[in-house]
């Protein structure tokens, strides 16, 4: 029997000291991540929003995000965890969101407790819904999961620490309530790279929910490199943060490479463009996606058409 993606992700969290991944925003990013050995994929909502020309402030709809999640999940064999924002509405909307995301083939999603319009967790002015409203949404999400796919993984993200009127104590209280509601993991969105909040939150959660895996955003918005004693992935894993991700990982890498390459093509007078040596050539790209096999199958079909008076194409195996 084929193992479900949700079950595969749960097994990873159980077997590994921690699971690290860099956030992606497209099927190709996901395939690159899988190719280099990443064991699970994180589909970043911020990155998906930027890739579609929008800020991360609730502009994309549930169906748009589900469509992209479906393409990413279908492009790789490793489990995918997708950003489902705030569930795109109230508890009823959240129920449909879970149902639609299960259909995409992703292993799980995370849902946050922000008030609509939600925003990136590191943008000032975010506001959380009441505890009661948030609990209603998480209970609704868990109910749909239990009915349709018990292995589907649900992460509850609380933005209470950095929200208007929020605090670490509120984040801890919400984290415990969400865990009691039946979610599979809790993520407290922090506001900076300080060690203390991450440690205090993990220790508090461990007192009441010792077996609950926590999730951690090792945000590229924070200045980890300038911290004299930054938290390491190993430390985070030991604290109970079993799923660790850098949300904008692929977006930052891709934007950096594209910006520099484009800028060089404009600023440097050349007779032909010289691609950076680390950019994959066509053959390497073909190994990531089924383009070569599809091209050969298409060529065979076109060849058959040519035999009956149709038009042919390029020889099998020739692409670009």
C-alpha atoms as a PDB file:
ATOM      1  CA  UNK A   1       0.000   0.000   0.000  1.00  0.00           C
ATOM      2  CA  UNK A   2       1.278   3.481  -0.899  1.00  0.00           C
ATOM      3  CA  UNK A   3       2.005   5.588   2.168  1.00  0.00           C
ATOM      4  CA  UNK A   4      -0.040   8.788   2.343  1.00  0.00           C
ATOM      5  CA  UNK A   5       1.865  12.078   2.303  1.00  0.00           C
ATOM      6  CA  UNK A   6       0.499  12.983   5.718  1.00  0.00           C
ATOM      7  CA  UNK A   7       1.700   9.697   7.175  1.00  0.00           C
ATOM      8  CA  UNK A   8       5.089  10.147   5.502  1.00  0.00           C
ATOM      9  CA  UNK A   9       5.457  13.585   7.072  1.00  0.00           C
ATOM     10  CA  UNK A  10       4.467  12.280  10.495  1.00  0.00           C
ATOM     11  CA  UNK A  11       7.045   9.512  10.160  1.00  0.00           C
ATOM     12  CA  UNK A  12       9.743  12.060   9.318  1.00  0.00           C
ATOM     13  CA  UNK A  13       8.955  14.099  12.422  1.00  0.00           C
ATOM     14  CA  UNK A  14       9.138  10.950  14.534  1.00  0.00           C
ATOM     15  CA  UNK A  15      12.319   9.519  13.038  1.00  0.00           C
ATOM     16  CA  UNK A  16      14.410  12.661  12.515  1.00  0.00           C
ATOM     17  CA  UNK A  17      15.922  14.951  15.202  1.00  0.00           C
ATOM     18  CA  UNK A  18      14.253  17.728  13.207  1.00  0.00           C
ATOM     19  CA  UNK A  19      13.045  18.288   9.644  1.00  0.00           C
ATOM     20  CA  UNK A  20      14.433  21.385   7.913  1.00  0.00           C
ATOM     21  CA  UNK A  21      13.248  22.805   4.621  1.00  0.00           C
ATOM     22  CA  UNK A  22      13.441  26.021   2.634  1.00  0.00           C
ATOM     23  CA  UNK A  23      10.193  27.616   1.509  1.00  0.00           C
ATOM     24  CA  UNK A  24       9.307  27.341  -2.200  1.00  0.00           C
ATOM     25  CA  UNK A  25       6.731  28.970  -4.448  1.00  0.00           C
ATOM     26  CA  UNK A  26       6.569  26.854  -7.612  1.00  0.00           C
ATOM     27  CA  UNK A  27       6.702  23.228  -8.773  1.00  0.00           C
ATOM     28  CA  UNK A  28      10.207  23.756 -10.201  1.00  0.00           C
ATOM     29  CA  UNK A  29      11.533  25.046  -6.855  1.00  0.00           C
ATOM     30  CA  UNK A  30      10.030  22.005  -5.180  1.00  0.00           C
ATOM     31  CA  UNK A  31      11.663  19.666  -7.701  1.00  0.00           C
ATOM     32  CA  UNK A  32      15.042  21.313  -7.163  1.00  0.00           C
ATOM     33  CA  UNK A  33      14.639  20.942  -3.390  1.00  0.00           C
ATOM     34  CA  UNK A  34      13.748  17.262  -3.748  1.00  0.00           C
ATOM     35  CA  UNK A  35      16.635  16.701  -6.182  1.00  0.00           C
ATOM     36  CA  UNK A  36      19.243  18.002  -3.709  1.00  0.00           C
ATOM     37  CA  UNK A  37      17.891  15.877  -0.863  1.00  0.00           C
ATOM     38  CA  UNK A  38      15.324  17.994   0.994  1.00  0.00           C
ATOM     39  CA  UNK A  39      12.963  15.553   2.727  1.00  0.00           C
ATOM     40  CA  UNK A  40       9.849  17.736   2.954  1.00  0.00           C
ATOM     41  CA  UNK A  41       8.636  20.824   1.113  1.00  0.00           C
ATOM     42  CA  UNK A  42       7.182  24.018   2.573  1.00  0.00           C
ATOM     43  CA  UNK A  43       4.966  26.014   0.203  1.00  0.00           C
ATOM     44  CA  UNK A  44       5.376  29.597   1.427  1.00  0.00           C
ATOM     45  CA  UNK A  45       2.352  31.866   1.242  1.00  0.00           C
ATOM     46  CA  UNK A  46       4.493  35.010   1.250  1.00  0.00           C
ATOM     47  CA  UNK A  47       6.555  33.628  -1.629  1.00  0.00           C
ATOM     48  CA  UNK A  48       3.484  32.564  -3.620  1.00  0.00           C
ATOM     49  CA  UNK A  49       1.968  36.019  -3.146  1.00  0.00           C
ATOM     50  CA  UNK A  50       5.162  37.734  -4.341  1.00  0.00           C
ATOM     51  CA  UNK A  51       5.481  35.385  -7.302  1.00  0.00           C
ATOM     52  CA  UNK A  52       2.002  36.512  -8.352  1.00  0.00           C
ATOM     53  CA  UNK A  53       2.807  40.204  -7.940  1.00  0.00           C
ATOM     54  CA  UNK A  54       1.096  40.780  -4.584  1.00  0.00           C
ATOM     55  CA  UNK A  55       2.201  41.495  -1.010  1.00  0.00           C
ATOM     56  CA  UNK A  56       1.433  38.924   1.671  1.00  0.00           C
ATOM     57  CA  UNK A  57      -1.705  40.650   2.913  1.00  0.00           C
ATOM     58  CA  UNK A  58      -4.543  38.306   2.031  1.00  0.00           C
ATOM     59  CA  UNK A  59      -4.875  39.174  -1.656  1.00  0.00           C
ATOM     60  CA  UNK A  60      -4.732  35.609  -2.990  1.00  0.00           C
ATOM     61  CA  UNK A  61      -7.882  33.513  -2.747  1.00  0.00           C
ATOM     62  CA  UNK A  62      -8.334  30.006  -1.449  1.00  0.00           C
ATOM     63  CA  UNK A  63      -8.805  28.561  -4.931  1.00  0.00           C
ATOM     64  CA  UNK A  64      -5.672  30.295  -6.272  1.00  0.00           C
ATOM     65  CA  UNK A  65      -3.534  28.922  -3.442  1.00  0.00           C
ATOM     66  CA  UNK A  66      -5.093  25.448  -3.714  1.00  0.00           C
ATOM     67  CA  UNK A  67      -4.336  25.377  -7.448  1.00  0.00           C
ATOM     68  CA  UNK A  68      -0.663  26.156  -6.856  1.00  0.00           C
ATOM     69  CA  UNK A  69      -0.497  23.694  -3.951  1.00  0.00           C
ATOM     70  CA  UNK A  70      -1.889  20.986  -6.222  1.00  0.00           C
ATOM     71  CA  UNK A  71       0.768  21.644  -8.864  1.00  0.00           C
ATOM     72  CA  UNK A  72       3.579  21.615  -6.299  1.00  0.00           C
ATOM     73  CA  UNK A  73       2.329  18.441  -4.607  1.00  0.00           C
ATOM     74  CA  UNK A  74       1.981  16.750  -7.997  1.00  0.00           C
ATOM     75  CA  UNK A  75       5.535  17.645  -8.997  1.00  0.00           C
ATOM     76  CA  UNK A  76       7.365  15.840  -6.176  1.00  0.00           C
ATOM     77  CA  UNK A  77       7.241  12.614  -4.191  1.00  0.00           C
ATOM     78  CA  UNK A  78       8.190  14.121  -0.813  1.00  0.00           C
ATOM     79  CA  UNK A  79       5.471  15.504   1.497  1.00  0.00           C
ATOM     80  CA  UNK A  80       4.421  19.149   1.106  1.00  0.00           C
ATOM     81  CA  UNK A  81       3.180  21.442   3.879  1.00  0.00           C
ATOM     82  CA  UNK A  82       1.267  24.414   2.481  1.00  0.00           C
ATOM     83  CA  UNK A  83       0.435  27.835   3.869  1.00  0.00           C
ATOM     84  CA  UNK A  84      -3.356  28.152   4.051  1.00  0.00           C
ATOM     85  CA  UNK A  85      -3.318  31.639   5.604  1.00  0.00           C
ATOM     86  CA  UNK A  86      -6.252  32.180   7.963  1.00  0.00           C
ATOM     87  CA  UNK A  87      -8.475  29.579   6.327  1.00  0.00           C
ATOM     88  CA  UNK A  88      -9.880  32.297   4.043  1.00  0.00           C
ATOM     89  CA  UNK A  89     -12.798  33.269   6.244  1.00  0.00           C
ATOM     90  CA  UNK A  90     -14.684  31.968   9.249  1.00  0.00           C
ATOM     91  CA  UNK A  91     -14.992  28.420  10.594  1.00  0.00           C
ATOM     92  CA  UNK A  92     -17.194  27.354   7.687  1.00  0.00           C
ATOM     93  CA  UNK A  93     -14.694  28.707   5.164  1.00  0.00           C
ATOM     94  CA  UNK A  94     -11.923  26.926   7.039  1.00  0.00           C
ATOM     95  CA  UNK A  95     -13.799  23.640   6.712  1.00  0.00           C
ATOM     96  CA  UNK A  96     -13.891  23.994   2.957  1.00  0.00           C
ATOM     97  CA  UNK A  97     -10.248  25.101   2.897  1.00  0.00           C
ATOM     98  CA  UNK A  98      -9.165  21.889   4.633  1.00  0.00           C
ATOM     99  CA  UNK A  99     -11.327  19.826   2.289  1.00  0.00           C
ATOM    100  CA  UNK A 100      -9.899  21.503  -0.821  1.00  0.00           C
ATOM    101  CA  UNK A 101      -6.312  21.267   0.415  1.00  0.00           C
ATOM    102  CA  UNK A 102      -6.700  17.565   1.138  1.00  0.00           C
ATOM    103  CA  UNK A 103      -7.738  17.147  -2.506  1.00  0.00           C
ATOM    104  CA  UNK A 104      -4.499  18.797  -3.684  1.00  0.00           C
ATOM    105  CA  UNK A 105      -2.338  15.989  -2.334  1.00  0.00           C
ATOM    106  CA  UNK A 106      -0.338  18.073   0.138  1.00  0.00           C
ATOM    107  CA  UNK A 107       0.607  16.392   3.420  1.00  0.00           C
ATOM    108  CA  UNK A 108      -0.804  19.199   5.524  1.00  0.00           C
ATOM    109  CA  UNK A 109      -1.333  22.919   6.016  1.00  0.00           C
ATOM    110  CA  UNK A 110      -0.894  25.635   8.584  1.00  0.00           C
ATOM    111  CA  UNK A 111      -3.660  27.979   9.650  1.00  0.00           C
ATOM    112  CA  UNK A 112      -3.106  31.234  11.516  1.00  0.00           C
ATOM    113  CA  UNK A 113      -5.218  33.103  14.057  1.00  0.00           C
ATOM    114  CA  UNK A 114      -5.031  36.552  12.476  1.00  0.00           C
ATOM    115  CA  UNK A 115      -7.992  38.764  11.709  1.00  0.00           C
ATOM    116  CA  UNK A 116      -8.724  39.319   8.010  1.00  0.00           C
ATOM    117  CA  UNK A 117      -7.093  40.844   6.062  1.00  0.00           C
ATOM    118  CA  UNK A 118      -4.173  38.842   7.346  1.00  0.00           C
ATOM    119  CA  UNK A 119      -0.609  39.919   6.696  1.00  0.00           C
ATOM    120  CA  UNK A 120       2.924  38.629   6.867  1.00  0.00           C
ATOM    121  CA  UNK A 121       3.731  37.769  10.471  1.00  0.00           C
ATOM    122  CA  UNK A 122       6.534  40.309  10.562  1.00  0.00           C
ATOM    123  CA  UNK A 123       4.531  43.316   9.378  1.00  0.00           C
ATOM    124  CA  UNK A 124       3.471  45.672  12.156  1.00  0.00           C
ATOM    125  CA  UNK A 125      -0.205  46.126  12.913  1.00  0.00           C
ATOM    126  CA  UNK A 126      -1.409  42.538  12.712  1.00  0.00           C
ATOM    127  CA  UNK A 127      -4.415  41.678  14.861  1.00  0.00           C
ATOM    128  CA  UNK A 128      -5.550  38.279  16.144  1.00  0.00           C
ATOM    129  CA  UNK A 129      -9.131  37.081  16.300  1.00  0.00           C
ATOM    130  CA  UNK A 130     -10.506  36.198  19.726  1.00  0.00           C
ATOM    131  CA  UNK A 131      -9.501  32.926  21.339  1.00  0.00           C
ATOM    132  CA  UNK A 132     -13.070  31.684  20.925  1.00  0.00           C
ATOM    133  CA  UNK A 133     -13.166  32.412  17.190  1.00  0.00           C
ATOM    134  CA  UNK A 134      -9.759  30.869  16.630  1.00  0.00           C
ATOM    135  CA  UNK A 135     -10.732  27.735  18.550  1.00  0.00           C
ATOM    136  CA  UNK A 136     -13.885  27.427  16.456  1.00  0.00           C
ATOM    137  CA  UNK A 137     -11.808  27.460  13.277  1.00  0.00           C
ATOM    138  CA  UNK A 138      -9.252  24.933  14.526  1.00  0.00           C
ATOM    139  CA  UNK A 139     -11.958  22.592  15.797  1.00  0.00           C
ATOM    140  CA  UNK A 140     -13.693  22.846  12.435  1.00  0.00           C
ATOM    141  CA  UNK A 141     -10.411  22.089  10.639  1.00  0.00           C
ATOM    142  CA  UNK A 142      -9.718  19.089  12.869  1.00  0.00           C
ATOM    143  CA  UNK A 143     -13.240  17.749  12.321  1.00  0.00           C
ATOM    144  CA  UNK A 144     -12.813  17.793   8.540  1.00  0.00           C
ATOM    145  CA  UNK A 145      -9.366  16.207   8.838  1.00  0.00           C
ATOM    146  CA  UNK A 146     -10.707  13.398  11.017  1.00  0.00           C
ATOM    147  CA  UNK A 147     -13.526  12.657   8.570  1.00  0.00           C
ATOM    148  CA  UNK A 148     -11.616  12.867   5.288  1.00  0.00           C
ATOM    149  CA  UNK A 149      -7.978  12.050   6.013  1.00  0.00           C
ATOM    150  CA  UNK A 150      -6.823  11.398   9.602  1.00  0.00           C
ATOM    151  CA  UNK A 151      -3.175  11.556   8.481  1.00  0.00           C
ATOM    152  CA  UNK A 152      -3.545  15.106   7.109  1.00  0.00           C
ATOM    153  CA  UNK A 153      -1.262  17.326   9.208  1.00  0.00           C
ATOM    154  CA  UNK A 154      -2.615  20.584  10.681  1.00  0.00           C
ATOM    155  CA  UNK A 155      -0.322  23.220  12.153  1.00  0.00           C
ATOM    156  CA  UNK A 156      -1.885  26.002  14.215  1.00  0.00           C
ATOM    157  CA  UNK A 157       0.073  29.229  13.942  1.00  0.00           C
ATOM    158  CA  UNK A 158      -0.465  31.918  16.530  1.00  0.00           C
ATOM    159  CA  UNK A 159       0.597  35.490  15.844  1.00  0.00           C
ATOM    160  CA  UNK A 160      -0.282  36.598  19.376  1.00  0.00           C
ATOM    161  CA  UNK A 161       3.305  37.372  20.391  1.00  0.00           C
ATOM    162  CA  UNK A 162       3.784  40.235  17.945  1.00  0.00           C
ATOM    163  CA  UNK A 163       0.139  41.247  17.462  1.00  0.00           C
ATOM    164  CA  UNK A 164      -1.446  44.454  18.687  1.00  0.00           C
ATOM    165  CA  UNK A 165      -1.952  43.973  22.431  1.00  0.00           C
ATOM    166  CA  UNK A 166      -0.267  40.571  22.278  1.00  0.00           C
ATOM    167  CA  UNK A 167       2.372  38.955  24.460  1.00  0.00           C
ATOM    168  CA  UNK A 168       4.360  35.764  24.850  1.00  0.00           C
ATOM    169  CA  UNK A 169       1.989  34.702  27.633  1.00  0.00           C
ATOM    170  CA  UNK A 170      -0.942  35.047  25.216  1.00  0.00           C
ATOM    171  CA  UNK A 171       0.917  33.032  22.581  1.00  0.00           C
ATOM    172  CA  UNK A 172       1.550  30.252  25.103  1.00  0.00           C
ATOM    173  CA  UNK A 173      -2.079  30.237  26.268  1.00  0.00           C
ATOM    174  CA  UNK A 174      -3.313  30.039  22.688  1.00  0.00           C
ATOM    175  CA  UNK A 175      -0.796  27.380  21.775  1.00  0.00           C
ATOM    176  CA  UNK A 176      -2.070  25.176  24.590  1.00  0.00           C
ATOM    177  CA  UNK A 177      -5.713  25.757  23.646  1.00  0.00           C
ATOM    178  CA  UNK A 178      -5.053  24.950  19.995  1.00  0.00           C
ATOM    179  CA  UNK A 179      -3.201  21.776  20.969  1.00  0.00           C
ATOM    180  CA  UNK A 180      -6.162  20.754  23.129  1.00  0.00           C
ATOM    181  CA  UNK A 181      -8.415  21.314  20.093  1.00  0.00           C
ATOM    182  CA  UNK A 182      -6.548  18.521  18.306  1.00  0.00           C
ATOM    183  CA  UNK A 183      -4.085  20.205  15.932  1.00  0.00           C
ATOM    184  CA  UNK A 184      -0.911  18.265  15.154  1.00  0.00           C
ATOM    185  CA  UNK A 185       1.635  21.026  15.757  1.00  0.00           C
ATOM    186  CA  UNK A 186       1.788  24.585  17.083  1.00  0.00           C
ATOM    187  CA  UNK A 187       3.856  27.431  15.660  1.00  0.00           C
ATOM    188  CA  UNK A 188       4.361  30.705  17.517  1.00  0.00           C
ATOM    189  CA  UNK A 189       5.370  33.413  15.050  1.00  0.00           C
ATOM    190  CA  UNK A 190       8.148  35.361  16.764  1.00  0.00           C
ATOM    191  CA  UNK A 191       9.251  38.924  16.083  1.00  0.00           C
ATOM    192  CA  UNK A 192      13.044  38.705  16.203  1.00  0.00           C
ATOM    193  CA  UNK A 193      15.997  36.358  16.542  1.00  0.00           C
ATOM    194  CA  UNK A 194      16.174  36.522  20.350  1.00  0.00           C
ATOM    195  CA  UNK A 195      16.705  33.148  21.993  1.00  0.00           C
ATOM    196  CA  UNK A 196      14.541  33.761  25.044  1.00  0.00           C
ATOM    197  CA  UNK A 197      11.026  33.815  23.491  1.00  0.00           C
ATOM    198  CA  UNK A 198      11.670  30.661  21.446  1.00  0.00           C
ATOM    199  CA  UNK A 199      13.043  28.817  24.462  1.00  0.00           C
ATOM    200  CA  UNK A 200      10.318  30.011  26.839  1.00  0.00           C
ATOM    201  CA  UNK A 201       7.526  29.086  24.426  1.00  0.00           C
ATOM    202  CA  UNK A 202       8.949  25.610  23.826  1.00  0.00           C
ATOM    203  CA  UNK A 203       9.483  24.931  27.522  1.00  0.00           C
ATOM    204  CA  UNK A 204       5.964  26.079  28.382  1.00  0.00           C
ATOM    205  CA  UNK A 205       4.432  23.884  25.694  1.00  0.00           C
ATOM    206  CA  UNK A 206       6.511  20.899  26.790  1.00  0.00           C
ATOM    207  CA  UNK A 207       5.135  21.166  30.341  1.00  0.00           C
ATOM    208  CA  UNK A 208       1.557  20.640  29.187  1.00  0.00           C
ATOM    209  CA  UNK A 209       1.986  18.893  25.822  1.00  0.00           C
ATOM    210  CA  UNK A 210       5.317  17.018  25.988  1.00  0.00           C
ATOM    211  CA  UNK A 211       4.677  14.908  22.877  1.00  0.00           C
ATOM    212  CA  UNK A 212       3.466  17.705  20.598  1.00  0.00           C
ATOM    213  CA  UNK A 213       5.936  18.567  17.792  1.00  0.00           C
ATOM    214  CA  UNK A 214       6.408  22.311  17.432  1.00  0.00           C
ATOM    215  CA  UNK A 215       7.046  24.238  14.216  1.00  0.00           C
ATOM    216  CA  UNK A 216       9.538  27.086  13.844  1.00  0.00           C
ATOM    217  CA  UNK A 217      10.004  29.800  11.245  1.00  0.00           C
ATOM    218  CA  UNK A 218      13.743  30.494  11.050  1.00  0.00           C
ATOM    219  CA  UNK A 219      12.804  33.701   9.320  1.00  0.00           C
ATOM    220  CA  UNK A 220      15.178  35.352   6.902  1.00  0.00           C
ATOM    221  CA  UNK A 221      13.708  38.637   8.151  1.00  0.00           C
ATOM    222  CA  UNK A 222      15.773  38.192  11.315  1.00  0.00           C
ATOM    223  CA  UNK A 223      19.471  39.027  11.535  1.00  0.00           C
ATOM    224  CA  UNK A 224      20.660  35.576  12.596  1.00  0.00           C
ATOM    225  CA  UNK A 225      24.095  36.174  11.075  1.00  0.00           C
ATOM    226  CA  UNK A 226      24.725  39.184  13.326  1.00  0.00           C
ATOM    227  CA  UNK A 227      23.678  37.342  16.498  1.00  0.00           C
ATOM    228  CA  UNK A 228      26.691  36.286  18.544  1.00  0.00           C
ATOM    229  CA  UNK A 229      24.867  33.206  19.803  1.00  0.00           C
ATOM    230  CA  UNK A 230      22.058  32.292  17.401  1.00  0.00           C
ATOM    231  CA  UNK A 231      19.813  29.294  17.909  1.00  0.00           C
ATOM    232  CA  UNK A 232      21.014  26.317  15.906  1.00  0.00           C
ATOM    233  CA  UNK A 233      18.743  23.795  14.216  1.00  0.00           C
ATOM    234  CA  UNK A 234      20.075  21.142  16.624  1.00  0.00           C
ATOM    235  CA  UNK A 235      19.103  23.260  19.627  1.00  0.00           C
ATOM    236  CA  UNK A 236      15.665  23.929  18.182  1.00  0.00           C
ATOM    237  CA  UNK A 237      15.126  20.225  17.595  1.00  0.00           C
ATOM    238  CA  UNK A 238      16.083  19.448  21.183  1.00  0.00           C
ATOM    239  CA  UNK A 239      13.609  22.071  22.386  1.00  0.00           C
ATOM    240  CA  UNK A 240      10.828  20.288  20.513  1.00  0.00           C
ATOM    241  CA  UNK A 241      10.789  22.296  17.286  1.00  0.00           C
ATOM    242  CA  UNK A 242      10.645  19.331  14.919  1.00  0.00           C
ATOM    243  CA  UNK A 243       9.630  21.195  11.753  1.00  0.00           C
ATOM    244  CA  UNK A 244      11.979  24.086  10.924  1.00  0.00           C
ATOM    245  CA  UNK A 245      11.710  26.187   7.780  1.00  0.00           C
ATOM    246  CA  UNK A 246      12.941  29.420   6.199  1.00  0.00           C
ATOM    247  CA  UNK A 247       9.815  30.714   4.510  1.00  0.00           C
ATOM    248  CA  UNK A 248      11.413  32.911   1.825  1.00  0.00           C
ATOM    249  CA  UNK A 249      14.368  30.646   1.083  1.00  0.00           C
ATOM    250  CA  UNK A 250      13.750  29.962  -2.614  1.00  0.00           C
ATOM    251  CA  UNK A 251      12.300  33.413  -3.252  1.00  0.00           C
ATOM    252  CA  UNK A 252      15.387  35.156  -1.881  1.00  0.00           C
ATOM    253  CA  UNK A 253      17.753  32.825  -3.737  1.00  0.00           C
ATOM    254  CA  UNK A 254      15.843  33.172  -6.997  1.00  0.00           C
ATOM    255  CA  UNK A 255      15.437  36.941  -6.766  1.00  0.00           C
ATOM    256  CA  UNK A 256      19.122  37.393  -5.955  1.00  0.00           C
ATOM    257  CA  UNK A 257      20.251  35.310  -8.917  1.00  0.00           C
ATOM    258  CA  UNK A 258      17.725  36.817 -11.340  1.00  0.00           C
ATOM    259  CA  UNK A 259      18.389  40.400 -10.255  1.00  0.00           C
ATOM    260  CA  UNK A 260      22.149  40.047 -10.633  1.00  0.00           C
ATOM    261  CA  UNK A 261      21.913  38.253 -13.978  1.00  0.00           C
ATOM    262  CA  UNK A 262      19.450  40.774 -15.404  1.00  0.00           C
ATOM    263  CA  UNK A 263      21.397  43.747 -14.079  1.00  0.00           C
ATOM    264  CA  UNK A 264      24.642  42.384 -15.547  1.00  0.00           C
ATOM    265  CA  UNK A 265      23.000  41.883 -18.930  1.00  0.00           C
ATOM    266  CA  UNK A 266      22.072  45.578 -18.968  1.00  0.00           C
ATOM    267  CA  UNK A 267      25.191  47.103 -17.430  1.00  0.00           C
ATOM    268  CA  UNK A 268      27.825  45.006 -19.206  1.00  0.00           C
ATOM    269  CA  UNK A 269      28.148  45.513 -22.998  1.00  0.00           C
ATOM    270  CA  UNK A 270      28.339  42.000 -24.429  1.00  0.00           C
ATOM    271  CA  UNK A 271      27.702  40.419 -27.787  1.00  0.00           C
ATOM    272  CA  UNK A 272      26.098  37.406 -26.167  1.00  0.00           C
ATOM    273  CA  UNK A 273      24.723  36.676 -22.714  1.00  0.00           C
ATOM    274  CA  UNK A 274      26.940  34.538 -20.502  1.00  0.00           C
ATOM    275  CA  UNK A 275      24.932  32.652 -17.924  1.00  0.00           C
ATOM    276  CA  UNK A 276      26.475  32.136 -14.467  1.00  0.00           C
ATOM    277  CA  UNK A 277      28.241  28.784 -14.274  1.00  0.00           C
ATOM    278  CA  UNK A 278      25.939  27.501 -11.519  1.00  0.00           C
ATOM    279  CA  UNK A 279      22.760  27.981 -13.554  1.00  0.00           C
ATOM    280  CA  UNK A 280      21.568  24.497 -14.615  1.00  0.00           C
ATOM    281  CA  UNK A 281      21.905  23.756 -18.321  1.00  0.00           C
ATOM    282  CA  UNK A 282      19.027  22.325 -20.328  1.00  0.00           C
ATOM    283  CA  UNK A 283      20.010  18.702 -19.695  1.00  0.00           C
ATOM    284  CA  UNK A 284      20.007  19.259 -15.927  1.00  0.00           C
ATOM    285  CA  UNK A 285      16.632  20.952 -16.080  1.00  0.00           C
ATOM    286  CA  UNK A 286      15.285  18.050 -18.110  1.00  0.00           C
ATOM    287  CA  UNK A 287      16.288  15.705 -15.309  1.00  0.00           C
ATOM    288  CA  UNK A 288      14.064  17.638 -12.911  1.00  0.00           C
ATOM    289  CA  UNK A 289      10.899  17.641 -14.971  1.00  0.00           C
ATOM    290  CA  UNK A 290       9.455  15.003 -17.311  1.00  0.00           C
ATOM    291  CA  UNK A 291      10.015  17.231 -20.345  1.00  0.00           C
ATOM    292  CA  UNK A 292      12.317  14.804 -22.156  1.00  0.00           C
ATOM    293  CA  UNK A 293       9.974  11.830 -21.777  1.00  0.00           C
ATOM    294  CA  UNK A 294       7.019  13.945 -22.809  1.00  0.00           C
ATOM    295  CA  UNK A 295       8.945  15.294 -25.787  1.00  0.00           C
ATOM    296  CA  UNK A 296       9.800  11.783 -26.952  1.00  0.00           C
ATOM    297  CA  UNK A 297       6.205  10.603 -26.517  1.00  0.00           C
ATOM    298  CA  UNK A 298       4.992  13.644 -28.428  1.00  0.00           C
ATOM    299  CA  UNK A 299       7.541  13.073 -31.178  1.00  0.00           C
ATOM    300  CA  UNK A 300       6.389   9.480 -31.587  1.00  0.00           C
ATOM    301  CA  UNK A 301       2.811  10.666 -31.890  1.00  0.00           C
ATOM    302  CA  UNK A 302       3.795  13.314 -34.436  1.00  0.00           C
ATOM    303  CA  UNK A 303       5.798  10.696 -36.339  1.00  0.00           C
ATOM    304  CA  UNK A 304       2.712   8.501 -36.524  1.00  0.00           C
ATOM    305  CA  UNK A 305       0.710  11.445 -37.769  1.00  0.00           C
ATOM    306  CA  UNK A 306       3.354  12.125 -40.401  1.00  0.00           C
ATOM    307  CA  UNK A 307       3.035   8.546 -41.645  1.00  0.00           C
ATOM    308  CA  UNK A 308      -0.636   9.205 -42.267  1.00  0.00           C
ATOM    309  CA  UNK A 309      -0.084  12.552 -43.958  1.00  0.00           C
ATOM    310  CA  UNK A 310       0.165  14.741 -40.842  1.00  0.00           C
ATOM    311  CA  UNK A 311       3.005  17.101 -39.932  1.00  0.00           C
ATOM    312  CA  UNK A 312       6.067  15.982 -37.985  1.00  0.00           C
ATOM    313  CA  UNK A 313       8.166  17.709 -35.345  1.00  0.00           C
ATOM    314  CA  UNK A 314      11.693  17.654 -34.005  1.00  0.00           C
ATOM    315  CA  UNK A 315      13.426  14.303 -33.623  1.00  0.00           C
ATOM    316  CA  UNK A 316      12.816  12.455 -30.332  1.00  0.00           C
ATOM    317  CA  UNK A 317      14.939  13.767 -27.473  1.00  0.00           C
ATOM    318  CA  UNK A 318      15.518  17.193 -28.994  1.00  0.00           C
ATOM    319  CA  UNK A 319      14.296  20.024 -26.808  1.00  0.00           C
ATOM    320  CA  UNK A 320      15.092  23.755 -26.827  1.00  0.00           C
END
